[in-house]
Every structure is written in C-alpha cells, then in structure tokens.
Amino acid sequence: MSLHNSTQIIEPKWLARPSMVVAPELLGCYLVRQFAADRVLRGRIVETEAYAPGDPACHAYRRRTQRNEVMFGAAGLGYVYLIYGIYHCFNVVTDEFNVPSAVLIRAVELAEIPDWLPEVLPTKIIKGKPERLGAGPGKLCQLLGIDRTLNGTNLSQPPLWLETGEPTRNITQTTRIGLSQGVDIPWRWYDTNSQAVSKL
C-alpha cells in the first residue's frame, strides 16, 4: 500500500492510550477510505470527541452489550453505530483491551473532490464545497462510505485506516455536543481554523 507523501499508518499501540489523550492528537491526521485499488479518499481529521469509562455519555457506561462490544476490544478497531435509525457515526477504539474507550471522529476536511467520486457515491452526498462534505459525523460517514459493515474493522489496513499528518497548531477545546448526559465534560476538540467543523 502506498502512503500519501510522507505519512505513515497509525499503529494500534499509539492508540492504546486514554481517549481524552488521543482525541486532540488525532487532529491533523487522516481518515482514509479505499473504494478500489486506485480510488482512495483522504479526509483530514478536524474535530473529535472522547468517551471513556465512568463517562455517563459513553455507550458502555451502564453495561457491556452486543452493541458496544467493540469498545471493549483492542485499540485500533473501528466502532460504528447508527443514530436516529438513519445516520452512522464512526469511532476509533482506544486505551487497553477491555477498557471501553473511544474517540468519535466528528468531522473531516477534503482538500478537493476527486473526479471519480461521483462514480462511487450518490451525487447528493458530494454537492457543495469540498471542505463541508465531511462536516459532521453523519456526513463524514456518508462521504467515506462507512456503515455497520465496518464495525470492528482493523484501522491499520484497507479498506479503512488512519494515517499521520501535520499536527494542528490552533485547537479549540469545548464541551461535547448533542448529548443529554455528561454535557459538562470538556472532551471535544477541533481545528480552530477549519471550515469543516460541524455546526452546533
């Protein structure tokens, strides 16, 4: 597999740390989706949220279930779930094995729209400015073709993986959004200068 410029695949051991440590460090890295051998889409991560044990907003807060089982797995797995019965959300499992911890990738930014993208995605998904196509967890998953079939996937190999990038210099830290519990925990980070950050 060829990497983009000087980037490297992010190894699971780098992700085997608490989610609130990993989340801000993922800003500037890339979430990469391979649709075909020569069709690879890279989105620069510009917004993240952390979820961890003891956190009332974490899916694993109450108990271990079939839905949240992947969160208890090894670092470097993808955790995908459905909200409102319509939209998928993508998370990176972090921390140690059996410690339910994950980082929600809330937004990615595209530099441009590849000319082949209309051939693999519905036209309605790729209308608008390139930088806003992945602005929000649901839009991000539509853009990268992420659904429940990728739940539990190894994020260090195709068809979905993480690559290193340039560290984000200007980061804003706030409370998480769209929650009914754990609303005061400041575990949301985003690239202050990015136009792709999801809207409140």
Protein backbone atom coordinates (compact mmCIF):
# COMPACT_ATOMS: atom_id res chain seq x y z
CA MET A 1 0.00 0.00 0.00
CA SER A 2 1.42 3.40 -0.91
CA LEU A 3 1.08 6.23 1.58
CA HIS A 4 0.31 9.84 0.83
CA ASN A 5 3.52 11.91 0.69
CA SER A 6 5.42 11.22 3.93
CA THR A 7 2.51 9.99 6.02
CA GLN A 8 2.56 6.71 7.89
CA ILE A 9 -0.16 4.34 9.01
CA ILE A 10 -1.04 4.88 12.65
CA GLU A 11 -0.29 1.74 14.63
CA PRO A 12 -2.67 0.33 17.29
CA LYS A 13 -0.08 0.82 20.05
CA TRP A 14 -0.23 4.61 19.52
CA LEU A 15 -3.98 4.44 20.06
CA ALA A 16 -3.69 2.31 23.23
CA ARG A 17 -3.96 5.36 25.48
CA PRO A 18 -6.89 7.11 27.16
CA SER A 19 -9.35 8.59 24.67
CA MET A 20 -9.01 12.11 26.08
CA VAL A 21 -5.29 11.97 25.28
CA VAL A 22 -5.67 10.51 21.81
CA ALA A 23 -8.59 12.69 20.68
CA PRO A 24 -6.76 16.04 20.34
CA GLU A 25 -3.71 14.32 18.87
CA LEU A 26 -5.81 12.85 16.06
CA LEU A 27 -6.49 16.35 14.75
CA GLY A 28 -4.46 16.79 11.58
CA CYS A 29 -4.24 13.05 10.97
CA TYR A 30 -6.10 11.41 8.08
CA LEU A 31 -9.00 9.00 7.95
CA VAL A 32 -8.51 7.11 4.71
CA ARG A 33 -11.07 5.10 2.75
CA GLN A 34 -10.19 2.81 -0.15
CA PHE A 35 -13.09 2.28 -2.54
CA ALA A 36 -10.97 0.48 -5.15
CA ALA A 37 -7.29 -0.12 -5.84
CA ASP A 38 -6.79 3.30 -7.42
CA ARG A 39 -9.59 5.14 -5.64
CA VAL A 40 -8.56 6.32 -2.22
CA LEU A 41 -10.17 9.21 -0.38
CA ARG A 42 -8.33 11.01 2.43
CA GLY A 43 -10.11 13.24 4.92
CA ARG A 44 -8.07 15.35 7.33
CA ILE A 45 -9.49 14.97 10.84
CA VAL A 46 -10.55 18.36 12.19
CA GLU A 47 -12.96 17.55 15.04
CA THR A 48 -13.04 14.81 17.69
CA GLU A 49 -14.79 13.86 20.93
CA ALA A 50 -13.58 11.48 23.64
CA TYR A 51 -15.64 8.88 25.52
CA ALA A 52 -14.29 6.82 28.40
CA PRO A 53 -15.16 4.61 31.40
CA GLY A 54 -17.14 6.42 34.08
CA ASP A 55 -18.46 8.85 31.48
CA PRO A 56 -22.29 8.92 31.51
CA ALA A 57 -22.34 9.74 27.80
CA CYS A 58 -20.26 6.68 26.91
CA HIS A 59 -22.16 3.79 25.29
CA ALA A 60 -20.54 1.37 27.72
CA TYR A 61 -21.37 3.39 30.84
CA ARG A 62 -24.07 1.06 32.17
CA ARG A 63 -23.05 -2.37 30.92
CA ARG A 64 -21.44 -4.40 28.19
CA THR A 65 -23.85 -5.18 25.34
CA GLN A 66 -23.83 -6.57 21.84
CA ARG A 67 -23.98 -3.02 20.51
CA ASN A 68 -20.96 -1.68 22.42
CA GLU A 69 -18.88 -4.90 22.42
CA VAL A 70 -16.30 -3.45 20.02
CA MET A 71 -15.48 -0.69 22.52
CA PHE A 72 -14.06 -3.35 24.84
CA GLY A 73 -11.74 -4.64 22.12
CA ALA A 74 -8.15 -3.77 21.31
CA ALA A 75 -7.10 -0.26 20.38
CA GLY A 76 -7.22 0.45 16.68
CA LEU A 77 -10.62 -1.02 15.87
CA GLY A 78 -13.42 0.94 14.28
CA TYR A 79 -16.65 1.30 16.24
CA VAL A 80 -19.64 2.20 14.06
CA TYR A 81 -23.17 2.73 15.30
CA LEU A 82 -26.44 4.10 13.98
CA ILE A 83 -28.25 7.13 15.41
CA TYR A 84 -31.85 8.14 14.78
CA GLY A 85 -32.12 4.98 12.72
CA ILE A 86 -30.56 6.86 9.79
CA TYR A 87 -27.06 8.19 10.35
CA HIS A 88 -23.87 6.29 11.09
CA CYS A 89 -21.17 7.55 13.46
CA PHE A 90 -17.55 6.44 13.33
CA ASN A 91 -15.28 5.99 16.36
CA VAL A 92 -11.70 4.86 16.91
CA VAL A 93 -11.32 2.41 19.81
CA THR A 94 -8.55 3.46 22.19
CA ASP A 95 -6.96 2.50 25.52
CA GLU A 96 -6.23 -1.02 26.78
CA PHE A 97 -8.12 -4.22 25.97
CA ASN A 98 -11.36 -4.50 27.99
CA VAL A 99 -11.33 -0.77 28.78
CA PRO A 100 -14.32 0.73 26.90
CA SER A 101 -12.87 3.89 25.42
CA ALA A 102 -13.25 5.52 22.01
CA VAL A 103 -12.82 8.73 20.04
CA LEU A 104 -15.73 9.92 17.90
CA ILE A 105 -14.48 11.45 14.66
CA ARG A 106 -16.93 14.33 14.22
CA ALA A 107 -15.57 15.93 11.04
CA VAL A 108 -13.02 15.55 8.28
CA GLU A 109 -11.90 18.03 5.66
CA LEU A 110 -11.24 17.35 1.98
CA ALA A 111 -8.76 19.43 0.01
CA GLU A 112 -10.64 18.69 -3.22
CA ILE A 113 -13.28 16.40 -4.72
CA PRO A 114 -11.66 13.64 -6.83
CA ASP A 115 -13.14 13.39 -10.31
CA TRP A 116 -14.02 9.71 -9.74
CA LEU A 117 -16.03 10.30 -6.56
CA PRO A 118 -19.43 10.65 -8.34
CA GLU A 119 -18.92 7.10 -9.63
CA VAL A 120 -18.82 5.58 -6.14
CA LEU A 121 -21.11 7.86 -4.14
CA PRO A 122 -24.62 9.25 -4.73
CA THR A 123 -24.44 12.73 -6.27
CA LYS A 124 -26.44 14.27 -3.41
CA ILE A 125 -23.65 13.40 -0.96
CA ILE A 126 -20.98 15.33 -2.86
CA LYS A 127 -22.84 18.55 -3.60
CA GLY A 128 -21.38 21.72 -2.14
CA LYS A 129 -17.96 22.92 -1.07
CA PRO A 130 -15.28 20.22 -0.61
CA GLU A 131 -14.46 21.40 2.91
CA ARG A 132 -18.07 20.93 4.11
CA LEU A 133 -18.69 17.43 2.72
CA GLY A 134 -17.46 15.75 5.91
CA ALA A 135 -18.66 18.44 8.34
CA GLY A 136 -20.43 16.32 10.93
CA PRO A 137 -20.36 12.65 11.99
CA GLY A 138 -23.24 11.60 9.74
CA LYS A 139 -21.93 13.47 6.69
CA LEU A 140 -18.45 12.07 7.32
CA CYS A 141 -19.74 8.50 7.20
CA GLN A 142 -21.75 9.15 4.03
CA LEU A 143 -18.71 10.70 2.37
CA LEU A 144 -16.38 7.82 3.26
CA GLY A 145 -18.95 5.07 2.74
CA ILE A 146 -18.82 3.98 6.37
CA ASP A 147 -21.63 1.84 7.75
CA ARG A 148 -22.11 -1.04 10.19
CA THR A 149 -20.31 -3.46 7.87
CA LEU A 150 -17.10 -1.71 9.00
CA ASN A 151 -17.86 -2.10 12.71
CA GLY A 152 -14.90 -3.87 14.34
CA THR A 153 -12.63 -3.37 11.33
CA ASN A 154 -8.85 -3.10 11.81
CA LEU A 155 -7.93 0.54 11.18
CA SER A 156 -4.35 -0.16 10.13
CA GLN A 157 -5.21 -1.67 6.74
CA PRO A 158 -7.67 -1.32 3.84
CA PRO A 159 -10.45 -0.58 3.32
CA LEU A 160 -10.31 1.98 6.16
CA TRP A 161 -7.27 3.21 8.03
CA LEU A 162 -5.61 6.11 9.84
CA GLU A 163 -2.53 7.99 8.67
CA THR A 164 -0.31 10.52 10.41
CA GLY A 165 -0.44 14.15 9.36
CA GLU A 166 0.80 17.58 10.36
CA PRO A 167 -0.01 18.49 13.97
CA THR A 168 -2.83 21.01 14.28
CA ARG A 169 -1.46 24.24 15.73
CA ASN A 170 -4.64 26.05 16.71
CA ILE A 171 -7.01 23.83 18.70
CA THR A 172 -10.21 24.78 20.50
CA GLN A 173 -11.39 22.61 23.39
CA THR A 174 -15.06 22.67 24.43
CA THR A 175 -17.78 20.52 25.91
CA ARG A 176 -19.26 17.83 23.68
CA ILE A 177 -22.43 18.49 21.71
CA GLY A 178 -25.70 16.70 21.04
CA LEU A 179 -25.73 14.94 24.42
CA SER A 180 -28.22 14.64 27.27
CA GLN A 181 -25.66 13.31 29.79
CA GLY A 182 -22.08 14.28 30.51
CA VAL A 183 -22.72 17.66 28.91
CA ASP A 184 -20.24 19.50 31.13
CA ILE A 185 -17.24 17.32 30.30
CA PRO A 186 -14.86 19.29 28.01
CA TRP A 187 -13.83 16.43 25.76
CA ARG A 188 -14.40 17.95 22.34
CA TRP A 189 -11.54 19.36 20.28
CA TYR A 190 -11.47 20.97 16.86
CA ASP A 191 -9.19 22.78 14.45
CA THR A 192 -9.95 26.42 15.19
CA ASN A 193 -9.22 27.45 11.61
CA SER A 194 -11.07 24.68 9.77
CA GLN A 195 -14.20 25.34 7.71
CA ALA A 196 -15.23 21.68 8.10
CA VAL A 197 -16.08 21.70 11.81
CA SER A 198 -19.65 20.54 12.40
CA LYS A 199 -22.19 23.23 13.25
CA LEU A 200 -23.89 23.41 16.64
